[in-house]
Amino acid sequence: MISLVLFALAGILIGGVIQLVKSGATRFSIGITAVLAVLAVAGGFAWWPAGEA
């Protein structure tokens, strides 16, 4: 369940990165959002139950 929430959060953050790039935001804000998205994906895989992989 937690892994599903983290993957959903990662999807929202990836969409945010795309929108930030399109709107011409600073590289810092794009980088922070991208790092958070990567951490959410990594957390999703870390919380993935071993029996379902």
Protein backbone atom coordinates (compact mmCIF):
# COMPACT_ATOMS: atom_id res chain seq x y z
CA MET A 1 0.00 0.00 0.00
CA ILE A 2 2.76 2.44 0.89
CA SER A 3 4.61 1.59 -2.30
CA LEU A 4 1.52 2.47 -4.34
CA VAL A 5 1.28 5.86 -2.63
CA LEU A 6 4.97 6.53 -3.27
CA PHE A 7 4.64 5.61 -6.95
CA ALA A 8 1.62 7.91 -7.26
CA LEU A 9 3.58 10.71 -5.60
CA ALA A 10 6.46 10.07 -8.01
CA GLY A 11 4.08 10.39 -10.96
CA ILE A 12 2.78 13.71 -9.68
CA LEU A 13 6.33 14.95 -9.15
CA ILE A 14 7.42 13.85 -12.62
CA GLY A 15 4.48 15.76 -14.06
CA GLY A 16 5.60 18.73 -12.01
CA VAL A 17 9.10 18.50 -13.46
CA ILE A 18 7.67 18.50 -16.97
CA GLN A 19 5.54 21.55 -16.22
CA LEU A 20 8.47 23.36 -14.59
CA VAL A 21 10.61 22.75 -17.67
CA LYS A 22 7.83 23.99 -19.98
CA SER A 23 7.30 27.13 -17.91
CA GLY A 24 11.01 27.97 -17.85
CA ALA A 25 11.51 27.64 -14.10
CA THR A 26 14.94 27.84 -12.51
CA ARG A 27 17.22 24.83 -12.76
CA PHE A 28 17.32 24.65 -8.97
CA SER A 29 13.57 24.14 -8.62
CA ILE A 30 13.56 21.61 -11.45
CA GLY A 31 16.45 19.74 -9.84
CA ILE A 32 14.84 19.66 -6.39
CA THR A 33 11.57 18.36 -7.82
CA ALA A 34 13.39 15.74 -9.90
CA VAL A 35 15.39 14.54 -6.89
CA LEU A 36 12.19 14.20 -4.86
CA ALA A 37 10.63 12.19 -7.71
CA VAL A 38 13.63 9.84 -7.82
CA LEU A 39 13.50 9.42 -4.04
CA ALA A 40 9.78 8.60 -4.23
CA VAL A 41 10.44 5.92 -6.87
CA ALA A 42 13.32 4.49 -4.84
CA GLY A 43 11.13 4.44 -1.74
CA GLY A 44 8.36 2.73 -3.68
CA PHE A 45 10.71 -0.06 -4.70
CA ALA A 46 12.14 -0.28 -1.19
CA TRP A 47 8.66 -0.72 0.34
CA TRP A 48 7.59 -3.21 -2.36
CA PRO A 49 6.68 -6.50 -0.65
CA ALA A 50 9.15 -9.26 -1.49
CA GLY A 51 6.41 -11.73 -2.39
CA GLU A 52 4.91 -9.50 -5.09
CA ALA A 53 8.09 -8.62 -6.99
